[in-house]
Amino acid sequence: MKNTGILRNIDDMGRIVIPKELRRQFDMGENTEVEIYTNDNTIVLKRHEPNCVFCGNERDLVPYKGKLLCPECIADLKNSL
């Protein structure tokens, strides 16, 4: 992990501001969804990338009943019926 040297305080509502430089670097505009992970005593923020609910593929996704599916999993489902 790379230390940016940037410090921020958590406000009384538990919020923290991500600096503009980092938002630009990671193409994070207003209303960008962010995933939150933990690893031991570390909190990791990751820009959310939509993926297939079955295999995790991130390309050519098709929405179905509020979920995203890739063509390969759609074909597998069709073949299993």
PDB file of N, CA and C in Angstrom:
ATOM      1  N   MET A   1       0.836  -1.174   0.000  1.00  0.00           N
ATOM      2  CA  MET A   1       0.000   0.000   0.000  1.00  0.00           C
ATOM      3  C   MET A   1       0.882   1.238   0.000  1.00  0.00           C
ATOM      4  N   LYS A   2       0.427   2.254  -0.699  1.00  0.00           N
ATOM      5  CA  LYS A   2       1.186   3.504  -0.811  1.00  0.00           C
ATOM      6  C   LYS A   2       0.616   4.547   0.145  1.00  0.00           C
ATOM      7  N   ASN A   3       1.460   5.184   0.924  1.00  0.00           N
ATOM      8  CA  ASN A   3       1.042   6.250   1.831  1.00  0.00           C
ATOM      9  C   ASN A   3       0.954   7.556   1.051  1.00  0.00           C
ATOM     10  N   THR A   4      -0.209   8.199   1.091  1.00  0.00           N
ATOM     11  CA  THR A   4      -0.389   9.460   0.368  1.00  0.00           C
ATOM     12  C   THR A   4       0.090  10.653   1.183  1.00  0.00           C
ATOM     13  N   GLY A   5       0.223  10.487   2.480  1.00  0.00           N
ATOM     14  CA  GLY A   5       0.616  11.597   3.337  1.00  0.00           C
ATOM     15  C   GLY A   5      -0.532  12.536   3.660  1.00  0.00           C
ATOM     16  N   ILE A   6      -1.751  12.180   3.234  1.00  0.00           N
ATOM     17  CA  ILE A   6      -2.924  13.024   3.473  1.00  0.00           C
ATOM     18  C   ILE A   6      -3.628  12.534   4.732  1.00  0.00           C
ATOM     19  N   LEU A   7      -3.964  13.457   5.615  1.00  0.00           N
ATOM     20  CA  LEU A   7      -4.711  13.125   6.835  1.00  0.00           C
ATOM     21  C   LEU A   7      -6.070  13.801   6.786  1.00  0.00           C
ATOM     22  N   ARG A   8      -7.086  13.116   7.252  1.00  0.00           N
ATOM     23  CA  ARG A   8      -8.431  13.670   7.350  1.00  0.00           C
ATOM     24  C   ARG A   8      -9.031  13.259   8.692  1.00  0.00           C
ATOM     25  N   ASN A   9      -9.864  14.114   9.256  1.00  0.00           N
ATOM     26  CA  ASN A   9     -10.584  13.797  10.486  1.00  0.00           C
ATOM     27  C   ASN A   9     -11.963  13.237  10.152  1.00  0.00           C
ATOM     28  N   ILE A  10     -12.424  12.340  10.987  1.00  0.00           N
ATOM     29  CA  ILE A  10     -13.787  11.827  10.867  1.00  0.00           C
ATOM     30  C   ILE A  10     -14.689  12.815  11.594  1.00  0.00           C
ATOM     31  N   ASP A  11     -15.787  13.241  10.944  1.00  0.00           N
ATOM     32  CA  ASP A  11     -16.669  14.225  11.590  1.00  0.00           C
ATOM     33  C   ASP A  11     -17.599  13.536  12.582  1.00  0.00           C
ATOM     34  N   ASP A  12     -18.444  14.326  13.251  1.00  0.00           N
ATOM     35  CA  ASP A  12     -19.308  13.781  14.302  1.00  0.00           C
ATOM     36  C   ASP A  12     -20.369  12.827  13.774  1.00  0.00           C
ATOM     37  N   MET A  13     -20.559  12.771  12.461  1.00  0.00           N
ATOM     38  CA  MET A  13     -21.511  11.822  11.877  1.00  0.00           C
ATOM     39  C   MET A  13     -20.795  10.604  11.284  1.00  0.00           C
ATOM     40  N   GLY A  14     -19.473  10.499  11.501  1.00  0.00           N
ATOM     41  CA  GLY A  14     -18.705   9.351  11.032  1.00  0.00           C
ATOM     42  C   GLY A  14     -18.236   9.459   9.593  1.00  0.00           C
ATOM     43  N   ARG A  15     -18.310  10.648   9.012  1.00  0.00           N
ATOM     44  CA  ARG A  15     -17.920  10.835   7.609  1.00  0.00           C
ATOM     45  C   ARG A  15     -16.476  11.273   7.493  1.00  0.00           C
ATOM     46  N   ILE A  16     -15.917  10.960   6.333  1.00  0.00           N
ATOM     47  CA  ILE A  16     -14.573  11.409   6.002  1.00  0.00           C
ATOM     48  C   ILE A  16     -14.590  11.886   4.557  1.00  0.00           C
ATOM     49  N   VAL A  17     -13.878  12.957   4.274  1.00  0.00           N
ATOM     50  CA  VAL A  17     -13.834  13.508   2.922  1.00  0.00           C
ATOM     51  C   VAL A  17     -12.652  12.882   2.176  1.00  0.00           C
ATOM     52  N   ILE A  18     -12.919  12.348   0.981  1.00  0.00           N
ATOM     53  CA  ILE A  18     -11.847  11.844   0.121  1.00  0.00           C
ATOM     54  C   ILE A  18     -11.319  13.041  -0.666  1.00  0.00           C
ATOM     55  N   PRO A  19     -10.031  13.321  -0.564  1.00  0.00           N
ATOM     56  CA  PRO A  19      -9.479  14.501  -1.228  1.00  0.00           C
ATOM     57  C   PRO A  19      -9.748  14.521  -2.740  1.00  0.00           C
ATOM     58  N   LYS A  20      -9.918  15.729  -3.260  1.00  0.00           N
ATOM     59  CA  LYS A  20     -10.220  15.929  -4.677  1.00  0.00           C
ATOM     60  C   LYS A  20      -9.183  15.261  -5.580  1.00  0.00           C
ATOM     61  N   GLU A  21      -7.910  15.342  -5.201  1.00  0.00           N
ATOM     62  CA  GLU A  21      -6.851  14.740  -6.014  1.00  0.00           C
ATOM     63  C   GLU A  21      -7.069  13.238  -6.179  1.00  0.00           C
ATOM     64  N   LEU A  22      -7.450  12.565  -5.098  1.00  0.00           N
ATOM     65  CA  LEU A  22      -7.683  11.121  -5.161  1.00  0.00           C
ATOM     66  C   LEU A  22      -8.969  10.799  -5.924  1.00  0.00           C
ATOM     67  N   ARG A  23     -10.001  11.627  -5.745  1.00  0.00           N
ATOM     68  CA  ARG A  23     -11.247  11.400  -6.494  1.00  0.00           C
ATOM     69  C   ARG A  23     -10.995  11.536  -7.987  1.00  0.00           C
ATOM     70  N   ARG A  24     -10.192  12.506  -8.361  1.00  0.00           N
ATOM     71  CA  ARG A  24      -9.831  12.663  -9.791  1.00  0.00           C
ATOM     72  C   ARG A  24      -9.027  11.473 -10.286  1.00  0.00           C
ATOM     73  N   GLN A  25      -8.043  11.092  -9.512  1.00  0.00           N
ATOM     74  CA  GLN A  25      -7.157   9.985  -9.900  1.00  0.00           C
ATOM     75  C   GLN A  25      -7.940   8.693 -10.135  1.00  0.00           C
ATOM     76  N   PHE A  26      -8.977   8.454  -9.314  1.00  0.00           N
ATOM     77  CA  PHE A  26      -9.748   7.218  -9.415  1.00  0.00           C
ATOM     78  C   PHE A  26     -11.095   7.426 -10.097  1.00  0.00           C
ATOM     79  N   ASP A  27     -11.259   8.573 -10.763  1.00  0.00           N
ATOM     80  CA  ASP A  27     -12.475   8.894 -11.512  1.00  0.00           C
ATOM     81  C   ASP A  27     -13.726   8.659 -10.666  1.00  0.00           C
ATOM     82  N   MET A  28     -13.749   9.285  -9.496  1.00  0.00           N
ATOM     83  CA  MET A  28     -14.852   9.133  -8.558  1.00  0.00           C
ATOM     84  C   MET A  28     -15.601  10.455  -8.454  1.00  0.00           C
ATOM     85  N   GLY A  29     -16.697  10.557  -9.199  1.00  0.00           N
ATOM     86  CA  GLY A  29     -17.512  11.753  -9.152  1.00  0.00           C
ATOM     87  C   GLY A  29     -18.569  11.649  -8.065  1.00  0.00           C
ATOM     88  N   GLU A  30     -19.431  12.635  -8.037  1.00  0.00           N
ATOM     89  CA  GLU A  30     -20.527  12.638  -7.083  1.00  0.00           C
ATOM     90  C   GLU A  30     -21.394  11.401  -7.293  1.00  0.00           C
ATOM     91  N   ASN A  31     -21.825  10.777  -6.218  1.00  0.00           N
ATOM     92  CA  ASN A  31     -22.681   9.578  -6.218  1.00  0.00           C
ATOM     93  C   ASN A  31     -21.993   8.313  -6.717  1.00  0.00           C
ATOM     94  N   THR A  32     -20.668   8.318  -6.818  1.00  0.00           N
ATOM     95  CA  THR A  32     -19.944   7.091  -7.158  1.00  0.00           C
ATOM     96  C   THR A  32     -20.083   6.105  -6.008  1.00  0.00           C
ATOM     97  N   GLU A  33     -20.431   4.864  -6.332  1.00  0.00           N
ATOM     98  CA  GLU A  33     -20.537   3.838  -5.298  1.00  0.00           C
ATOM     99  C   GLU A  33     -19.144   3.353  -4.918  1.00  0.00           C
ATOM    100  N   VAL A  34     -18.928   3.184  -3.621  1.00  0.00           N
ATOM    101  CA  VAL A  34     -17.633   2.746  -3.105  1.00  0.00           C
ATOM    102  C   VAL A  34     -17.854   1.507  -2.246  1.00  0.00           C
ATOM    103  N   GLU A  35     -17.029   0.490  -2.464  1.00  0.00           N
ATOM    104  CA  GLU A  35     -17.076  -0.718  -1.640  1.00  0.00           C
ATOM    105  C   GLU A  35     -16.118  -0.533  -0.468  1.00  0.00           C
ATOM    106  N   ILE A  36     -16.484  -1.061   0.682  1.00  0.00           N
ATOM    107  CA  ILE A  36     -15.654  -0.938   1.875  1.00  0.00           C
ATOM    108  C   ILE A  36     -15.250  -2.337   2.324  1.00  0.00           C
ATOM    109  N   TYR A  37     -13.946  -2.544   2.441  1.00  0.00           N
ATOM    110  CA  TYR A  37     -13.395  -3.818   2.887  1.00  0.00           C
ATOM    111  C   TYR A  37     -12.576  -3.585   4.145  1.00  0.00           C
ATOM    112  N   THR A  38     -12.366  -4.643   4.901  1.00  0.00           N
ATOM    113  CA  THR A  38     -11.439  -4.578   6.027  1.00  0.00           C
ATOM    114  C   THR A  38     -10.415  -5.686   5.879  1.00  0.00           C
ATOM    115  N   ASN A  39      -9.215  -5.420   6.346  1.00  0.00           N
ATOM    116  CA  ASN A  39      -8.136  -6.398   6.332  1.00  0.00           C
ATOM    117  C   ASN A  39      -7.328  -6.171   7.602  1.00  0.00           C
ATOM    118  N   ASP A  40      -7.507  -7.046   8.568  1.00  0.00           N
ATOM    119  CA  ASP A  40      -6.900  -6.886   9.886  1.00  0.00           C
ATOM    120  C   ASP A  40      -7.306  -5.522  10.456  1.00  0.00           C
ATOM    121  N   ASN A  41      -6.371  -4.605  10.643  1.00  0.00           N
ATOM    122  CA  ASN A  41      -6.708  -3.293  11.214  1.00  0.00           C
ATOM    123  C   ASN A  41      -6.740  -2.199  10.138  1.00  0.00           C
ATOM    124  N   THR A  42      -6.992  -2.592   8.882  1.00  0.00           N
ATOM    125  CA  THR A  42      -6.993  -1.653   7.765  1.00  0.00           C
ATOM    126  C   THR A  42      -8.377  -1.581   7.132  1.00  0.00           C
ATOM    127  N   ILE A  43      -8.809  -0.367   6.782  1.00  0.00           N
ATOM    128  CA  ILE A  43     -10.047  -0.154   6.040  1.00  0.00           C
ATOM    129  C   ILE A  43      -9.649   0.197   4.611  1.00  0.00           C
ATOM    130  N   VAL A  44     -10.240  -0.506   3.649  1.00  0.00           N
ATOM    131  CA  VAL A  44      -9.914  -0.288   2.241  1.00  0.00           C
ATOM    132  C   VAL A  44     -11.164   0.178   1.514  1.00  0.00           C
ATOM    133  N   LEU A  45     -11.055   1.279   0.766  1.00  0.00           N
ATOM    134  CA  LEU A  45     -12.143   1.769  -0.075  1.00  0.00           C
ATOM    135  C   LEU A  45     -11.817   1.420  -1.514  1.00  0.00           C
ATOM    136  N   LYS A  46     -12.814   0.914  -2.253  1.00  0.00           N
ATOM    137  CA  LYS A  46     -12.615   0.545  -3.645  1.00  0.00           C
ATOM    138  C   LYS A  46     -13.802   1.027  -4.450  1.00  0.00           C
ATOM    139  N   ARG A  47     -13.537   1.656  -5.571  1.00  0.00           N
ATOM    140  CA  ARG A  47     -14.610   2.075  -6.469  1.00  0.00           C
ATOM    141  C   ARG A  47     -15.378   0.827  -6.883  1.00  0.00           C
ATOM    142  N   HIS A  48     -16.689   0.876  -6.751  1.00  0.00           N
ATOM    143  CA  HIS A  48     -17.519  -0.284  -7.084  1.00  0.00           C
ATOM    144  C   HIS A  48     -17.540  -0.513  -8.589  1.00  0.00           C
ATOM    145  N   GLU A  49     -17.241  -1.725  -8.997  1.00  0.00           N
ATOM    146  CA  GLU A  49     -17.330  -2.119 -10.397  1.00  0.00           C
ATOM    147  C   GLU A  49     -18.413  -3.187 -10.482  1.00  0.00           C
ATOM    148  N   PRO A  50     -19.510  -2.900 -11.186  1.00  0.00           N
ATOM    149  CA  PRO A  50     -20.580  -3.894 -11.300  1.00  0.00           C
ATOM    150  C   PRO A  50     -20.047  -5.191 -11.899  1.00  0.00           C
ATOM    151  N   ASN A  51     -20.575  -6.316 -11.412  1.00  0.00           N
ATOM    152  CA  ASN A  51     -20.139  -7.606 -11.945  1.00  0.00           C
ATOM    153  C   ASN A  51     -21.269  -8.625 -11.897  1.00  0.00           C
ATOM    154  N   CYS A  52     -21.076  -9.716 -12.601  1.00  0.00           N
ATOM    155  CA  CYS A  52     -22.059 -10.796 -12.667  1.00  0.00           C
ATOM    156  C   CYS A  52     -22.235 -11.397 -11.269  1.00  0.00           C
ATOM    157  N   VAL A  53     -23.474 -11.627 -10.872  1.00  0.00           N
ATOM    158  CA  VAL A  53     -23.737 -12.159  -9.528  1.00  0.00           C
ATOM    159  C   VAL A  53     -23.235 -13.590  -9.371  1.00  0.00           C
ATOM    160  N   PHE A  54     -23.024 -14.297 -10.465  1.00  0.00           N
ATOM    161  CA  PHE A  54     -22.588 -15.691 -10.377  1.00  0.00           C
ATOM    162  C   PHE A  54     -21.071 -15.860 -10.489  1.00  0.00           C
ATOM    163  N   CYS A  55     -20.450 -15.240 -11.484  1.00  0.00           N
ATOM    164  CA  CYS A  55     -19.028 -15.510 -11.735  1.00  0.00           C
ATOM    165  C   CYS A  55     -18.117 -14.318 -11.485  1.00  0.00           C
ATOM    166  N   GLY A  56     -18.679 -13.113 -11.340  1.00  0.00           N
ATOM    167  CA  GLY A  56     -17.862 -11.933 -11.089  1.00  0.00           C
ATOM    168  C   GLY A  56     -17.370 -11.224 -12.337  1.00  0.00           C
ATOM    169  N   ASN A  57     -17.716 -11.732 -13.514  1.00  0.00           N
ATOM    170  CA  ASN A  57     -17.320 -11.099 -14.771  1.00  0.00           C
ATOM    171  C   ASN A  57     -17.810  -9.650 -14.788  1.00  0.00           C
ATOM    172  N   GLU A  58     -17.009  -8.744 -15.351  1.00  0.00           N
ATOM    173  CA  GLU A  58     -17.364  -7.320 -15.368  1.00  0.00           C
ATOM    174  C   GLU A  58     -17.737  -6.809 -16.756  1.00  0.00           C
ATOM    175  N   ARG A  59     -17.785  -7.689 -17.772  1.00  0.00           N
ATOM    176  CA  ARG A  59     -18.022  -7.233 -19.151  1.00  0.00           C
ATOM    177  C   ARG A  59     -19.364  -7.720 -19.684  1.00  0.00           C
ATOM    178  N   ASP A  60     -19.967  -6.904 -20.536  1.00  0.00           N
ATOM    179  CA  ASP A  60     -21.188  -7.260 -21.272  1.00  0.00           C
ATOM    180  C   ASP A  60     -22.328  -7.700 -20.354  1.00  0.00           C
ATOM    181  N   LEU A  61     -22.527  -7.000 -19.261  1.00  0.00           N
ATOM    182  CA  LEU A  61     -23.536  -7.394 -18.276  1.00  0.00           C
ATOM    183  C   LEU A  61     -24.946  -7.047 -18.746  1.00  0.00           C
ATOM    184  N   VAL A  62     -25.883  -7.928 -18.378  1.00  0.00           N
ATOM    185  CA  VAL A  62     -27.288  -7.754 -18.730  1.00  0.00           C
ATOM    186  C   VAL A  62     -28.091  -7.696 -17.434  1.00  0.00           C
ATOM    187  N   PRO A  63     -28.900  -6.645 -17.243  1.00  0.00           N
ATOM    188  CA  PRO A  63     -29.720  -6.590 -16.022  1.00  0.00           C
ATOM    189  C   PRO A  63     -30.889  -7.569 -16.107  1.00  0.00           C
ATOM    190  N   TYR A  64     -31.157  -8.259 -14.991  1.00  0.00           N
ATOM    191  CA  TYR A  64     -32.293  -9.172 -14.908  1.00  0.00           C
ATOM    192  C   TYR A  64     -32.826  -9.152 -13.481  1.00  0.00           C
ATOM    193  N   LYS A  65     -34.026  -8.652 -13.318  1.00  0.00           N
ATOM    194  CA  LYS A  65     -34.693  -8.581 -12.007  1.00  0.00           C
ATOM    195  C   LYS A  65     -33.796  -7.971 -10.928  1.00  0.00           C
ATOM    196  N   GLY A  66     -33.160  -6.854 -11.268  1.00  0.00           N
ATOM    197  CA  GLY A  66     -32.343  -6.134 -10.300  1.00  0.00           C
ATOM    198  C   GLY A  66     -30.951  -6.699 -10.102  1.00  0.00           C
ATOM    199  N   LYS A  67     -30.587  -7.718 -10.846  1.00  0.00           N
ATOM    200  CA  LYS A  67     -29.250  -8.323 -10.754  1.00  0.00           C
ATOM    201  C   LYS A  67     -28.573  -8.221 -12.107  1.00  0.00           C
ATOM    202  N   LEU A  68     -27.251  -8.362 -12.125  1.00  0.00           N
ATOM    203  CA  LEU A  68     -26.500  -8.323 -13.369  1.00  0.00           C
ATOM    204  C   LEU A  68     -25.953  -9.710 -13.687  1.00  0.00           C
ATOM    205  N   LEU A  69     -26.113 -10.111 -14.951  1.00  0.00           N
ATOM    206  CA  LEU A  69     -25.629 -11.412 -15.397  1.00  0.00           C
ATOM    207  C   LEU A  69     -24.777 -11.231 -16.646  1.00  0.00           C
ATOM    208  N   CYS A  70     -23.749 -12.073 -16.793  1.00  0.00           N
ATOM    209  CA  CYS A  70     -22.933 -12.034 -18.002  1.00  0.00           C
ATOM    210  C   CYS A  70     -23.503 -13.032 -19.010  1.00  0.00           C
ATOM    211  N   PRO A  71     -23.175 -12.882 -20.287  1.00  0.00           N
ATOM    212  CA  PRO A  71     -23.703 -13.787 -21.316  1.00  0.00           C
ATOM    213  C   PRO A  71     -23.373 -15.263 -21.056  1.00  0.00           C
ATOM    214  N   GLU A  72     -22.185 -15.537 -20.526  1.00  0.00           N
ATOM    215  CA  GLU A  72     -21.796 -16.926 -20.261  1.00  0.00           C
ATOM    216  C   GLU A  72     -22.700 -17.567 -19.209  1.00  0.00           C
ATOM    217  N   CYS A  73     -23.002 -16.841 -18.157  1.00  0.00           N
ATOM    218  CA  CYS A  73     -23.873 -17.395 -17.106  1.00  0.00           C
ATOM    219  C   CYS A  73     -25.311 -17.509 -17.595  1.00  0.00           C
ATOM    220  N   ILE A  74     -25.748 -16.586 -18.443  1.00  0.00           N
ATOM    221  CA  ILE A  74     -27.086 -16.681 -19.029  1.00  0.00           C
ATOM    222  C   ILE A  74     -27.170 -17.957 -19.858  1.00  0.00           C
ATOM    223  N   ALA A  75     -26.140 -18.225 -20.660  1.00  0.00           N
ATOM    224  CA  ALA A  75     -26.121 -19.443 -21.476  1.00  0.00           C
ATOM    225  C   ALA A  75     -26.103 -20.687 -20.599  1.00  0.00           C
ATOM    226  N   ASP A  76     -25.318 -20.674 -19.508  1.00  0.00           N
ATOM    227  CA  ASP A  76     -25.287 -21.814 -18.583  1.00  0.00           C
ATOM    228  C   ASP A  76     -26.663 -22.055 -17.969  1.00  0.00           C
ATOM    229  N   LEU A  77     -27.349 -20.970 -17.596  1.00  0.00           N
ATOM    230  CA  LEU A  77     -28.681 -21.120 -17.009  1.00  0.00           C
ATOM    231  C   LEU A  77     -29.658 -21.703 -18.009  1.00  0.00           C
ATOM    232  N   LYS A  78     -29.598 -21.218 -19.253  1.00  0.00           N
ATOM    233  CA  LYS A  78     -30.492 -21.744 -20.295  1.00  0.00           C
ATOM    234  C   LYS A  78     -30.245 -23.227 -20.516  1.00  0.00           C
ATOM    235  N   ASN A  79     -28.975 -23.647 -20.517  1.00  0.00           N
ATOM    236  CA  ASN A  79     -28.624 -25.043 -20.759  1.00  0.00           C
ATOM    237  C   ASN A  79     -28.997 -25.943 -19.592  1.00  0.00           C
ATOM    238  N   SER A  80     -29.101 -25.395 -18.395  1.00  0.00           N
ATOM    239  CA  SER A  80     -29.407 -26.211 -17.231  1.00  0.00           C
ATOM    240  C   SER A  80     -30.915 -26.415 -17.036  1.00  0.00           C
ATOM    241  N   LEU A  81     -31.735 -25.718 -17.816  1.00  0.00           N
ATOM    242  CA  LEU A  81     -33.189 -25.865 -17.678  1.00  0.00           C
ATOM    243  C   LEU A  81     -33.743 -26.990 -18.505  1.00  0.00           C
TER     244      LEU A  81
END
